[in-house]
Amino acid sequence: MEFKAQDSTAFDDMLAFVKQHPDFEKLEISYEPTLSLSGLEINLSRRRVINNGQEIELTVKEYDILCLLAANKGRVLTYEQIYDKVWGEISAGNVVLCQDLVQVKIRNFSLF
């Protein structure tokens, strides 16, 4: 690509204009981290889940479990591990409670 002198002047004028108007920085597109799995996109900064082009509504805990499972794709996690990470507390050996809570949340979002 070749620039002529007049192109350079126009570009310089445009840069000067943008620098004089700091509001233009608000329009800058920023990087948004996304986890992607076959047909499923998890936008981490907006906490949005898209499945085959449709947005899926999840509770906070359902979203956290989905992110945990997506980030650990290919790994086997126990109910206790999921509970400890998502609820942020040690399960204190109550495996039945952990299993019930996690199963209910996973069942809710496995319908999509």
PDB file of N, CA and C in Angstrom:
ATOM      1  N   MET A   1       0.843  -1.167   0.000  1.00  0.00           N
ATOM      2  CA  MET A   1       0.000   0.000   0.000  1.00  0.00           C
ATOM      3  C   MET A   1       0.890   1.232   0.000  1.00  0.00           C
ATOM      4  N   GLU A   2       0.505   2.201  -0.779  1.00  0.00           N
ATOM      5  CA  GLU A   2       1.312   3.400  -0.925  1.00  0.00           C
ATOM      6  C   GLU A   2       0.521   4.616  -0.446  1.00  0.00           C
ATOM      7  N   PHE A   3       1.169   5.450   0.357  1.00  0.00           N
ATOM      8  CA  PHE A   3       0.531   6.667   0.840  1.00  0.00           C
ATOM      9  C   PHE A   3       1.123   7.876   0.127  1.00  0.00           C
ATOM     10  N   LYS A   4       0.270   8.821  -0.152  1.00  0.00           N
ATOM     11  CA  LYS A   4       0.717  10.076  -0.741  1.00  0.00           C
ATOM     12  C   LYS A   4       0.789  11.113   0.374  1.00  0.00           C
ATOM     13  N   ALA A   5       1.438  12.225   0.124  1.00  0.00           N
ATOM     14  CA  ALA A   5       1.606  13.275   1.130  1.00  0.00           C
ATOM     15  C   ALA A   5       0.258  13.758   1.660  1.00  0.00           C
ATOM     16  N   GLN A   6      -0.727  13.884   0.789  1.00  0.00           N
ATOM     17  CA  GLN A   6      -2.047  14.368   1.219  1.00  0.00           C
ATOM     18  C   GLN A   6      -2.730  13.363   2.153  1.00  0.00           C
ATOM     19  N   ASP A   7      -2.469  12.047   1.937  1.00  0.00           N
ATOM     20  CA  ASP A   7      -3.030  11.027   2.814  1.00  0.00           C
ATOM     21  C   ASP A   7      -2.440  11.145   4.213  1.00  0.00           C
ATOM     22  N   SER A   8      -1.158  11.395   4.274  1.00  0.00           N
ATOM     23  CA  SER A   8      -0.472  11.519   5.559  1.00  0.00           C
ATOM     24  C   SER A   8      -1.018  12.707   6.352  1.00  0.00           C
ATOM     25  N   THR A   9      -1.273  13.801   5.684  1.00  0.00           N
ATOM     26  CA  THR A   9      -1.809  14.993   6.347  1.00  0.00           C
ATOM     27  C   THR A   9      -3.208  14.719   6.893  1.00  0.00           C
ATOM     28  N   ALA A  10      -4.039  14.055   6.114  1.00  0.00           N
ATOM     29  CA  ALA A  10      -5.399  13.733   6.556  1.00  0.00           C
ATOM     30  C   ALA A  10      -5.362  12.806   7.769  1.00  0.00           C
ATOM     31  N   PHE A  11      -4.456  11.858   7.735  1.00  0.00           N
ATOM     32  CA  PHE A  11      -4.332  10.919   8.855  1.00  0.00           C
ATOM     33  C   PHE A  11      -3.860  11.652  10.109  1.00  0.00           C
ATOM     34  N   ASP A  12      -2.882  12.532   9.965  1.00  0.00           N
ATOM     35  CA  ASP A  12      -2.392  13.321  11.103  1.00  0.00           C
ATOM     36  C   ASP A  12      -3.495  14.195  11.688  1.00  0.00           C
ATOM     37  N   ASP A  13      -4.311  14.789  10.815  1.00  0.00           N
ATOM     38  CA  ASP A  13      -5.429  15.619  11.274  1.00  0.00           C
ATOM     39  C   ASP A  13      -6.433  14.780  12.065  1.00  0.00           C
ATOM     40  N   MET A  14      -6.702  13.583  11.568  1.00  0.00           N
ATOM     41  CA  MET A  14      -7.650  12.701  12.245  1.00  0.00           C
ATOM     42  C   MET A  14      -7.108  12.283  13.621  1.00  0.00           C
ATOM     43  N   LEU A  15      -5.833  11.948  13.723  1.00  0.00           N
ATOM     44  CA  LEU A  15      -5.228  11.590  15.012  1.00  0.00           C
ATOM     45  C   LEU A  15      -5.290  12.752  15.993  1.00  0.00           C
ATOM     46  N   ALA A  16      -5.012  13.953  15.509  1.00  0.00           N
ATOM     47  CA  ALA A  16      -5.063  15.137  16.375  1.00  0.00           C
ATOM     48  C   ALA A  16      -6.477  15.343  16.903  1.00  0.00           C
ATOM     49  N   PHE A  17      -7.471  15.149  16.051  1.00  0.00           N
ATOM     50  CA  PHE A  17      -8.871  15.299  16.457  1.00  0.00           C
ATOM     51  C   PHE A  17      -9.227  14.281  17.546  1.00  0.00           C
ATOM     52  N   VAL A  18      -8.831  13.024  17.354  1.00  0.00           N
ATOM     53  CA  VAL A  18      -9.133  11.966  18.330  1.00  0.00           C
ATOM     54  C   VAL A  18      -8.459  12.266  19.669  1.00  0.00           C
ATOM     55  N   LYS A  19      -7.226  12.752  19.635  1.00  0.00           N
ATOM     56  CA  LYS A  19      -6.516  13.078  20.875  1.00  0.00           C
ATOM     57  C   LYS A  19      -7.178  14.230  21.634  1.00  0.00           C
ATOM     58  N   GLN A  20      -7.831  15.126  20.908  1.00  0.00           N
ATOM     59  CA  GLN A  20      -8.515  16.253  21.546  1.00  0.00           C
ATOM     60  C   GLN A  20      -9.844  15.849  22.168  1.00  0.00           C
ATOM     61  N   HIS A  21     -10.349  14.676  21.819  1.00  0.00           N
ATOM     62  CA  HIS A  21     -11.646  14.209  22.308  1.00  0.00           C
ATOM     63  C   HIS A  21     -11.477  12.855  23.008  1.00  0.00           C
ATOM     64  N   PRO A  22     -11.149  12.885  24.306  1.00  0.00           N
ATOM     65  CA  PRO A  22     -10.873  11.637  25.035  1.00  0.00           C
ATOM     66  C   PRO A  22     -12.071  10.688  25.133  1.00  0.00           C
ATOM     67  N   ASP A  23     -13.271  11.178  24.832  1.00  0.00           N
ATOM     68  CA  ASP A  23     -14.444  10.295  24.876  1.00  0.00           C
ATOM     69  C   ASP A  23     -14.351   9.171  23.851  1.00  0.00           C
ATOM     70  N   PHE A  24     -13.552   9.362  22.834  1.00  0.00           N
ATOM     71  CA  PHE A  24     -13.406   8.316  21.823  1.00  0.00           C
ATOM     72  C   PHE A  24     -12.801   7.044  22.414  1.00  0.00           C
ATOM     73  N   GLU A  25     -12.032   7.169  23.485  1.00  0.00           N
ATOM     74  CA  GLU A  25     -11.443   5.988  24.119  1.00  0.00           C
ATOM     75  C   GLU A  25     -12.517   5.057  24.661  1.00  0.00           C
ATOM     76  N   LYS A  26     -13.653   5.603  25.038  1.00  0.00           N
ATOM     77  CA  LYS A  26     -14.750   4.784  25.557  1.00  0.00           C
ATOM     78  C   LYS A  26     -15.323   3.866  24.482  1.00  0.00           C
ATOM     79  N   LEU A  27     -15.108   4.210  23.237  1.00  0.00           N
ATOM     80  CA  LEU A  27     -15.641   3.425  22.128  1.00  0.00           C
ATOM     81  C   LEU A  27     -14.703   2.298  21.704  1.00  0.00           C
ATOM     82  N   GLU A  28     -13.534   2.267  22.297  1.00  0.00           N
ATOM     83  CA  GLU A  28     -12.551   1.253  21.925  1.00  0.00           C
ATOM     84  C   GLU A  28     -13.061  -0.141  22.274  1.00  0.00           C
ATOM     85  N   ILE A  29     -12.918  -1.049  21.353  1.00  0.00           N
ATOM     86  CA  ILE A  29     -13.324  -2.431  21.573  1.00  0.00           C
ATOM     87  C   ILE A  29     -12.216  -3.138  22.342  1.00  0.00           C
ATOM     88  N   SER A  30     -12.590  -3.767  23.429  1.00  0.00           N
ATOM     89  CA  SER A  30     -11.593  -4.458  24.244  1.00  0.00           C
ATOM     90  C   SER A  30     -11.757  -5.964  24.103  1.00  0.00           C
ATOM     91  N   TYR A  31     -10.723  -6.659  24.482  1.00  0.00           N
ATOM     92  CA  TYR A  31     -10.718  -8.116  24.433  1.00  0.00           C
ATOM     93  C   TYR A  31     -11.628  -8.668  25.529  1.00  0.00           C
ATOM     94  N   GLU A  32     -12.483  -9.610  25.169  1.00  0.00           N
ATOM     95  CA  GLU A  32     -13.352 -10.260  26.142  1.00  0.00           C
ATOM     96  C   GLU A  32     -13.038 -11.745  26.153  1.00  0.00           C
ATOM     97  N   PRO A  33     -12.513 -12.247  27.268  1.00  0.00           N
ATOM     98  CA  PRO A  33     -12.169 -13.670  27.316  1.00  0.00           C
ATOM     99  C   PRO A  33     -13.405 -14.554  27.194  1.00  0.00           C
ATOM    100  N   THR A  34     -13.283 -15.597  26.373  1.00  0.00           N
ATOM    101  CA  THR A  34     -14.395 -16.499  26.120  1.00  0.00           C
ATOM    102  C   THR A  34     -13.910 -17.937  26.150  1.00  0.00           C
ATOM    103  N   LEU A  35     -14.685 -18.789  26.804  1.00  0.00           N
ATOM    104  CA  LEU A  35     -14.450 -20.237  26.740  1.00  0.00           C
ATOM    105  C   LEU A  35     -15.383 -20.794  25.683  1.00  0.00           C
ATOM    106  N   SER A  36     -14.861 -21.615  24.788  1.00  0.00           N
ATOM    107  CA  SER A  36     -15.690 -22.187  23.729  1.00  0.00           C
ATOM    108  C   SER A  36     -15.593 -23.700  23.732  1.00  0.00           C
ATOM    109  N   LEU A  37     -16.743 -24.321  23.668  1.00  0.00           N
ATOM    110  CA  LEU A  37     -16.862 -25.766  23.532  1.00  0.00           C
ATOM    111  C   LEU A  37     -17.924 -25.999  22.468  1.00  0.00           C
ATOM    112  N   SER A  38     -17.857 -27.062  21.743  1.00  0.00           N
ATOM    113  CA  SER A  38     -18.757 -27.341  20.616  1.00  0.00           C
ATOM    114  C   SER A  38     -20.154 -26.718  20.749  1.00  0.00           C
ATOM    115  N   GLY A  39     -20.348 -25.575  20.077  1.00  0.00           N
ATOM    116  CA  GLY A  39     -21.643 -24.902  20.077  1.00  0.00           C
ATOM    117  C   GLY A  39     -21.937 -24.058  21.296  1.00  0.00           C
ATOM    118  N   LEU A  40     -21.046 -24.072  22.273  1.00  0.00           N
ATOM    119  CA  LEU A  40     -21.281 -23.352  23.527  1.00  0.00           C
ATOM    120  C   LEU A  40     -20.191 -22.302  23.712  1.00  0.00           C
ATOM    121  N   GLU A  41     -20.593 -21.071  23.998  1.00  0.00           N
ATOM    122  CA  GLU A  41     -19.645 -19.997  24.275  1.00  0.00           C
ATOM    123  C   GLU A  41     -19.957 -19.399  25.629  1.00  0.00           C
ATOM    124  N   ILE A  42     -18.927 -19.268  26.446  1.00  0.00           N
ATOM    125  CA  ILE A  42     -19.081 -18.661  27.774  1.00  0.00           C
ATOM    126  C   ILE A  42     -18.262 -17.381  27.779  1.00  0.00           C
ATOM    127  N   ASN A  43     -18.941 -16.233  27.831  1.00  0.00           N
ATOM    128  CA  ASN A  43     -18.272 -14.945  27.877  1.00  0.00           C
ATOM    129  C   ASN A  43     -17.994 -14.637  29.344  1.00  0.00           C
ATOM    130  N   LEU A  44     -16.730 -14.720  29.727  1.00  0.00           N
ATOM    131  CA  LEU A  44     -16.360 -14.610  31.143  1.00  0.00           C
ATOM    132  C   LEU A  44     -16.536 -13.204  31.706  1.00  0.00           C
ATOM    133  N   SER A  45     -16.305 -12.185  30.903  1.00  0.00           N
ATOM    134  CA  SER A  45     -16.417 -10.827  31.449  1.00  0.00           C
ATOM    135  C   SER A  45     -17.872 -10.372  31.586  1.00  0.00           C
ATOM    136  N   ARG A  46     -18.765 -10.927  30.788  1.00  0.00           N
ATOM    137  CA  ARG A  46     -20.179 -10.551  30.869  1.00  0.00           C
ATOM    138  C   ARG A  46     -21.040 -11.599  31.553  1.00  0.00           C
ATOM    139  N   ARG A  47     -20.434 -12.735  31.901  1.00  0.00           N
ATOM    140  CA  ARG A  47     -21.148 -13.847  32.538  1.00  0.00           C
ATOM    141  C   ARG A  47     -22.357 -14.274  31.693  1.00  0.00           C
ATOM    142  N   ARG A  48     -22.128 -14.394  30.387  1.00  0.00           N
ATOM    143  CA  ARG A  48     -23.181 -14.805  29.458  1.00  0.00           C
ATOM    144  C   ARG A  48     -22.821 -16.149  28.851  1.00  0.00           C
ATOM    145  N   VAL A  49     -23.844 -16.961  28.614  1.00  0.00           N
ATOM    146  CA  VAL A  49     -23.658 -18.264  27.994  1.00  0.00           C
ATOM    147  C   VAL A  49     -24.521 -18.314  26.737  1.00  0.00           C
ATOM    148  N   ILE A  50     -23.891 -18.658  25.623  1.00  0.00           N
ATOM    149  CA  ILE A  50     -24.584 -18.772  24.343  1.00  0.00           C
ATOM    150  C   ILE A  50     -24.455 -20.223  23.885  1.00  0.00           C
ATOM    151  N   ASN A  51     -25.594 -20.857  23.607  1.00  0.00           N
ATOM    152  CA  ASN A  51     -25.607 -22.238  23.119  1.00  0.00           C
ATOM    153  C   ASN A  51     -26.260 -22.244  21.738  1.00  0.00           C
ATOM    154  N   ASN A  52     -25.465 -22.576  20.728  1.00  0.00           N
ATOM    155  CA  ASN A  52     -25.949 -22.593  19.343  1.00  0.00           C
ATOM    156  C   ASN A  52     -26.680 -21.306  18.968  1.00  0.00           C
ATOM    157  N   GLY A  53     -26.089 -20.165  19.356  1.00  0.00           N
ATOM    158  CA  GLY A  53     -26.637 -18.870  19.001  1.00  0.00           C
ATOM    159  C   GLY A  53     -27.711 -18.322  19.925  1.00  0.00           C
ATOM    160  N   GLN A  54     -28.131 -19.080  20.902  1.00  0.00           N
ATOM    161  CA  GLN A  54     -29.177 -18.637  21.838  1.00  0.00           C
ATOM    162  C   GLN A  54     -28.586 -18.418  23.222  1.00  0.00           C
ATOM    163  N   GLU A  55     -28.928 -17.289  23.842  1.00  0.00           N
ATOM    164  CA  GLU A  55     -28.442 -17.021  25.192  1.00  0.00           C
ATOM    165  C   GLU A  55     -29.194 -17.898  26.189  1.00  0.00           C
ATOM    166  N   ILE A  56     -28.452 -18.457  27.124  1.00  0.00           N
ATOM    167  CA  ILE A  56     -29.006 -19.338  28.153  1.00  0.00           C
ATOM    168  C   ILE A  56     -28.975 -18.601  29.485  1.00  0.00           C
ATOM    169  N   GLU A  57     -30.096 -18.580  30.170  1.00  0.00           N
ATOM    170  CA  GLU A  57     -30.184 -17.960  31.494  1.00  0.00           C
ATOM    171  C   GLU A  57     -29.785 -18.989  32.553  1.00  0.00           C
ATOM    172  N   LEU A  58     -28.788 -18.661  33.355  1.00  0.00           N
ATOM    173  CA  LEU A  58     -28.331 -19.537  34.427  1.00  0.00           C
ATOM    174  C   LEU A  58     -28.271 -18.750  35.731  1.00  0.00           C
ATOM    175  N   THR A  59     -28.451 -19.456  36.838  1.00  0.00           N
ATOM    176  CA  THR A  59     -28.243 -18.823  38.139  1.00  0.00           C
ATOM    177  C   THR A  59     -26.744 -18.624  38.330  1.00  0.00           C
ATOM    178  N   VAL A  60     -26.366 -17.898  39.351  1.00  0.00           N
ATOM    179  CA  VAL A  60     -24.956 -17.652  39.637  1.00  0.00           C
ATOM    180  C   VAL A  60     -24.211 -18.976  39.850  1.00  0.00           C
ATOM    181  N   LYS A  61     -24.775 -19.863  40.642  1.00  0.00           N
ATOM    182  CA  LYS A  61     -24.108 -21.141  40.933  1.00  0.00           C
ATOM    183  C   LYS A  61     -24.040 -22.040  39.695  1.00  0.00           C
ATOM    184  N   GLU A  62     -25.112 -22.061  38.904  1.00  0.00           N
ATOM    185  CA  GLU A  62     -25.100 -22.855  37.679  1.00  0.00           C
ATOM    186  C   GLU A  62     -24.003 -22.360  36.736  1.00  0.00           C
ATOM    187  N   TYR A  63     -23.892 -21.031  36.609  1.00  0.00           N
ATOM    188  CA  TYR A  63     -22.862 -20.436  35.766  1.00  0.00           C
ATOM    189  C   TYR A  63     -21.465 -20.806  36.286  1.00  0.00           C
ATOM    190  N   ASP A  64     -21.274 -20.703  37.594  1.00  0.00           N
ATOM    191  CA  ASP A  64     -19.975 -21.032  38.184  1.00  0.00           C
ATOM    192  C   ASP A  64     -19.607 -22.497  37.957  1.00  0.00           C
ATOM    193  N   ILE A  65     -20.582 -23.390  38.089  1.00  0.00           N
ATOM    194  CA  ILE A  65     -20.322 -24.818  37.849  1.00  0.00           C
ATOM    195  C   ILE A  65     -19.967 -25.045  36.388  1.00  0.00           C
ATOM    196  N   LEU A  66     -20.713 -24.422  35.483  1.00  0.00           N
ATOM    197  CA  LEU A  66     -20.440 -24.578  34.058  1.00  0.00           C
ATOM    198  C   LEU A  66     -19.030 -24.103  33.716  1.00  0.00           C
ATOM    199  N   CYS A  67     -18.637 -22.953  34.246  1.00  0.00           N
ATOM    200  CA  CYS A  67     -17.281 -22.439  34.002  1.00  0.00           C
ATOM    201  C   CYS A  67     -16.220 -23.381  34.561  1.00  0.00           C
ATOM    202  N   LEU A  68     -16.461 -23.895  35.753  1.00  0.00           N
ATOM    203  CA  LEU A  68     -15.515 -24.830  36.364  1.00  0.00           C
ATOM    204  C   LEU A  68     -15.358 -26.076  35.500  1.00  0.00           C
ATOM    205  N   LEU A  69     -16.473 -26.625  35.031  1.00  0.00           N
ATOM    206  CA  LEU A  69     -16.414 -27.830  34.204  1.00  0.00           C
ATOM    207  C   LEU A  69     -15.756 -27.539  32.852  1.00  0.00           C
ATOM    208  N   ALA A  70     -16.063 -26.390  32.261  1.00  0.00           N
ATOM    209  CA  ALA A  70     -15.466 -26.029  30.967  1.00  0.00           C
ATOM    210  C   ALA A  70     -13.967 -25.801  31.096  1.00  0.00           C
ATOM    211  N   ALA A  71     -13.555 -25.151  32.178  1.00  0.00           N
ATOM    212  CA  ALA A  71     -12.131 -24.890  32.393  1.00  0.00           C
ATOM    213  C   ALA A  71     -11.359 -26.172  32.686  1.00  0.00           C
ATOM    214  N   ASN A  72     -12.054 -27.187  33.148  1.00  0.00           N
ATOM    215  CA  ASN A  72     -11.408 -28.467  33.481  1.00  0.00           C
ATOM    216  C   ASN A  72     -11.845 -29.572  32.522  1.00  0.00           C
ATOM    217  N   LYS A  73     -12.116 -29.189  31.284  1.00  0.00           N
ATOM    218  CA  LYS A  73     -12.554 -30.139  30.258  1.00  0.00           C
ATOM    219  C   LYS A  73     -11.590 -31.324  30.196  1.00  0.00           C
ATOM    220  N   GLY A  74     -12.164 -32.526  30.212  1.00  0.00           N
ATOM    221  CA  GLY A  74     -11.348 -33.734  30.131  1.00  0.00           C
ATOM    222  C   GLY A  74     -10.922 -34.282  31.489  1.00  0.00           C
ATOM    223  N   ARG A  75     -11.181 -33.538  32.553  1.00  0.00           N
ATOM    224  CA  ARG A  75     -10.844 -33.990  33.898  1.00  0.00           C
ATOM    225  C   ARG A  75     -12.099 -34.478  34.607  1.00  0.00           C
ATOM    226  N   VAL A  76     -11.903 -35.427  35.486  1.00  0.00           N
ATOM    227  CA  VAL A  76     -13.011 -35.915  36.315  1.00  0.00           C
ATOM    228  C   VAL A  76     -12.958 -35.164  37.642  1.00  0.00           C
ATOM    229  N   LEU A  77     -14.073 -34.496  37.985  1.00  0.00           N
ATOM    230  CA  LEU A  77     -14.162 -33.774  39.251  1.00  0.00           C
ATOM    231  C   LEU A  77     -15.205 -34.449  40.131  1.00  0.00           C
ATOM    232  N   THR A  78     -14.905 -34.565  41.394  1.00  0.00           N
ATOM    233  CA  THR A  78     -15.868 -35.151  42.313  1.00  0.00           C
ATOM    234  C   THR A  78     -16.886 -34.082  42.712  1.00  0.00           C
ATOM    235  N   TYR A  79     -18.003 -34.528  43.251  1.00  0.00           N
ATOM    236  CA  TYR A  79     -19.005 -33.579  43.746  1.00  0.00           C
ATOM    237  C   TYR A  79     -18.403 -32.688  44.816  1.00  0.00           C
ATOM    238  N   GLU A  80     -17.577 -33.265  45.663  1.00  0.00           N
ATOM    239  CA  GLU A  80     -16.951 -32.475  46.729  1.00  0.00           C
ATOM    240  C   GLU A  80     -16.034 -31.402  46.160  1.00  0.00           C
ATOM    241  N   GLN A  81     -15.264 -31.729  45.113  1.00  0.00           N
ATOM    242  CA  GLN A  81     -14.382 -30.738  44.490  1.00  0.00           C
ATOM    243  C   GLN A  81     -15.198 -29.590  43.890  1.00  0.00           C
ATOM    244  N   ILE A  82     -16.276 -29.940  43.213  1.00  0.00           N
ATOM    245  CA  ILE A  82     -17.134 -28.913  42.617  1.00  0.00           C
ATOM    246  C   ILE A  82     -17.743 -28.042  43.713  1.00  0.00           C
ATOM    247  N   TYR A  83     -18.263 -28.664  44.750  1.00  0.00           N
ATOM    248  CA  TYR A  83     -18.873 -27.934  45.861  1.00  0.00           C
ATOM    249  C   TYR A  83     -17.849 -26.984  46.503  1.00  0.00           C
ATOM    250  N   ASP A  84     -16.668 -27.502  46.791  1.00  0.00           N
ATOM    251  CA  ASP A  84     -15.641 -26.689  47.445  1.00  0.00           C
ATOM    252  C   ASP A  84     -15.269 -25.466  46.606  1.00  0.00           C
ATOM    253  N   LYS A  85     -15.136 -25.642  45.290  1.00  0.00           N
ATOM    254  CA  LYS A  85     -14.751 -24.532  44.407  1.00  0.00           C
ATOM    255  C   LYS A  85     -15.890 -23.535  44.206  1.00  0.00           C
ATOM    256  N   VAL A  86     -17.098 -24.029  43.984  1.00  0.00           N
ATOM    257  CA  VAL A  86     -18.209 -23.147  43.636  1.00  0.00           C
ATOM    258  C   VAL A  86     -18.811 -22.459  44.858  1.00  0.00           C
ATOM    259  N   TRP A  87     -19.004 -23.205  45.928  1.00  0.00           N
ATOM    260  CA  TRP A  87     -19.602 -22.602  47.128  1.00  0.00           C
ATOM    261  C   TRP A  87     -18.549 -21.956  48.012  1.00  0.00           C
ATOM    262  N   GLY A  88     -17.275 -22.267  47.756  1.00  0.00           N
ATOM    263  CA  GLY A  88     -16.185 -21.624  48.476  1.00  0.00           C
ATOM    264  C   GLY A  88     -16.045 -22.045  49.920  1.00  0.00           C
ATOM    265  N   GLU A  89     -16.529 -23.211  50.223  1.00  0.00           N
ATOM    266  CA  GLU A  89     -16.394 -23.711  51.589  1.00  0.00           C
ATOM    267  C   GLU A  89     -16.123 -25.205  51.545  1.00  0.00           C
ATOM    268  N   ILE A  90     -15.475 -25.680  52.558  1.00  0.00           N
ATOM    269  CA  ILE A  90     -15.157 -27.104  52.648  1.00  0.00           C
ATOM    270  C   ILE A  90     -16.444 -27.858  52.968  1.00  0.00           C
ATOM    271  N   SER A  91     -16.629 -28.973  52.314  1.00  0.00           N
ATOM    272  CA  SER A  91     -17.864 -29.739  52.475  1.00  0.00           C
ATOM    273  C   SER A  91     -17.949 -30.466  53.814  1.00  0.00           C
ATOM    274  N   ALA A  92     -16.874 -30.490  54.553  1.00  0.00           N
ATOM    275  CA  ALA A  92     -16.831 -31.129  55.884  1.00  0.00           C
ATOM    276  C   ALA A  92     -17.283 -32.579  55.832  1.00  0.00           C
ATOM    277  N   GLY A  93     -17.010 -33.234  54.714  1.00  0.00           N
ATOM    278  CA  GLY A  93     -17.295 -34.660  54.612  1.00  0.00           C
ATOM    279  C   GLY A  93     -18.739 -35.019  54.371  1.00  0.00           C
ATOM    280  N   ASN A  94     -19.606 -34.037  54.219  1.00  0.00           N
ATOM    281  CA  ASN A  94     -21.024 -34.317  53.982  1.00  0.00           C
ATOM    282  C   ASN A  94     -21.231 -34.557  52.482  1.00  0.00           C
ATOM    283  N   VAL A  95     -20.854 -35.747  52.034  1.00  0.00           N
ATOM    284  CA  VAL A  95     -20.867 -36.094  50.617  1.00  0.00           C
ATOM    285  C   VAL A  95     -22.274 -36.058  50.044  1.00  0.00           C
ATOM    286  N   VAL A  96     -23.258 -36.504  50.796  1.00  0.00           N
ATOM    287  CA  VAL A  96     -24.635 -36.550  50.304  1.00  0.00           C
ATOM    288  C   VAL A  96     -25.143 -35.141  50.004  1.00  0.00           C
ATOM    289  N   LEU A  97     -24.894 -34.192  50.906  1.00  0.00           N
ATOM    290  CA  LEU A  97     -25.313 -32.808  50.686  1.00  0.00           C
ATOM    291  C   LEU A  97     -24.632 -32.234  49.449  1.00  0.00           C
ATOM    292  N   CYS A  98     -23.337 -32.443  49.335  1.00  0.00           N
ATOM    293  CA  CYS A  98     -22.588 -31.957  48.167  1.00  0.00           C
ATOM    294  C   CYS A  98     -23.170 -32.528  46.887  1.00  0.00           C
ATOM    295  N   GLN A  99     -23.354 -33.801  46.877  1.00  0.00           N
ATOM    296  CA  GLN A  99     -23.854 -34.491  45.696  1.00  0.00           C
ATOM    297  C   GLN A  99     -25.235 -33.965  45.306  1.00  0.00           C
ATOM    298  N   ASP A 100     -26.121 -33.821  46.277  1.00  0.00           N
ATOM    299  CA  ASP A 100     -27.482 -33.339  45.993  1.00  0.00           C
ATOM    300  C   ASP A 100     -27.472 -31.924  45.414  1.00  0.00           C
ATOM    301  N   LEU A 101     -26.735 -31.019  46.068  1.00  0.00           N
ATOM    302  CA  LEU A 101     -26.685 -29.630  45.598  1.00  0.00           C
ATOM    303  C   LEU A 101     -26.114 -29.527  44.191  1.00  0.00           C
ATOM    304  N   VAL A 102     -25.008 -30.193  43.958  1.00  0.00           N
ATOM    305  CA  VAL A 102     -24.350 -30.113  42.657  1.00  0.00           C
ATOM    306  C   VAL A 102     -25.215 -30.770  41.583  1.00  0.00           C
ATOM    307  N   GLN A 103     -25.815 -31.911  41.877  1.00  0.00           N
ATOM    308  CA  GLN A 103     -26.658 -32.591  40.887  1.00  0.00           C
ATOM    309  C   GLN A 103     -27.849 -31.734  40.467  1.00  0.00           C
ATOM    310  N   VAL A 104     -28.476 -31.067  41.426  1.00  0.00           N
ATOM    311  CA  VAL A 104     -29.622 -30.217  41.106  1.00  0.00           C
ATOM    312  C   VAL A 104     -29.194 -29.090  40.169  1.00  0.00           C
ATOM    313  N   LYS A 105     -28.097 -28.451  40.464  1.00  0.00           N
ATOM    314  CA  LYS A 105     -27.621 -27.339  39.629  1.00  0.00           C
ATOM    315  C   LYS A 105     -27.235 -27.828  38.239  1.00  0.00           C
ATOM    316  N   ILE A 106     -26.543 -28.941  38.156  1.00  0.00           N
ATOM    317  CA  ILE A 106     -26.132 -29.474  36.848  1.00  0.00           C
ATOM    318  C   ILE A 106     -27.360 -29.924  36.060  1.00  0.00           C
ATOM    319  N   ARG A 107     -28.303 -30.527  36.706  1.00  0.00           N
ATOM    320  CA  ARG A 107     -29.528 -30.972  36.034  1.00  0.00           C
ATOM    321  C   ARG A 107     -30.252 -29.778  35.415  1.00  0.00           C
ATOM    322  N   ASN A 108     -30.254 -28.638  36.106  1.00  0.00           N
ATOM    323  CA  ASN A 108     -30.938 -27.450  35.597  1.00  0.00           C
ATOM    324  C   ASN A 108     -30.337 -26.955  34.291  1.00  0.00           C
ATOM    325  N   PHE A 109     -29.020 -26.922  34.180  1.00  0.00           N
ATOM    326  CA  PHE A 109     -28.463 -26.409  32.933  1.00  0.00           C
ATOM    327  C   PHE A 109     -28.150 -27.479  31.916  1.00  0.00           C
ATOM    328  N   SER A 110     -28.320 -28.743  32.244  1.00  0.00           N
ATOM    329  CA  SER A 110     -28.082 -29.790  31.254  1.00  0.00           C
ATOM    330  C   SER A 110     -29.261 -29.939  30.298  1.00  0.00           C
ATOM    331  N   LEU A 111     -30.335 -29.220  30.561  1.00  0.00           N
ATOM    332  CA  LEU A 111     -31.507 -29.288  29.690  1.00  0.00           C
ATOM    333  C   LEU A 111     -31.315 -28.525  28.384  1.00  0.00           C
ATOM    334  N   PHE A 112     -30.344 -27.624  28.345  1.00  0.00           N
ATOM    335  CA  PHE A 112     -30.143 -26.908  27.078  1.00  0.00           C
ATOM    336  C   PHE A 112     -29.246 -27.734  26.247  1.00  0.00           C
TER     337      PHE A 112
END
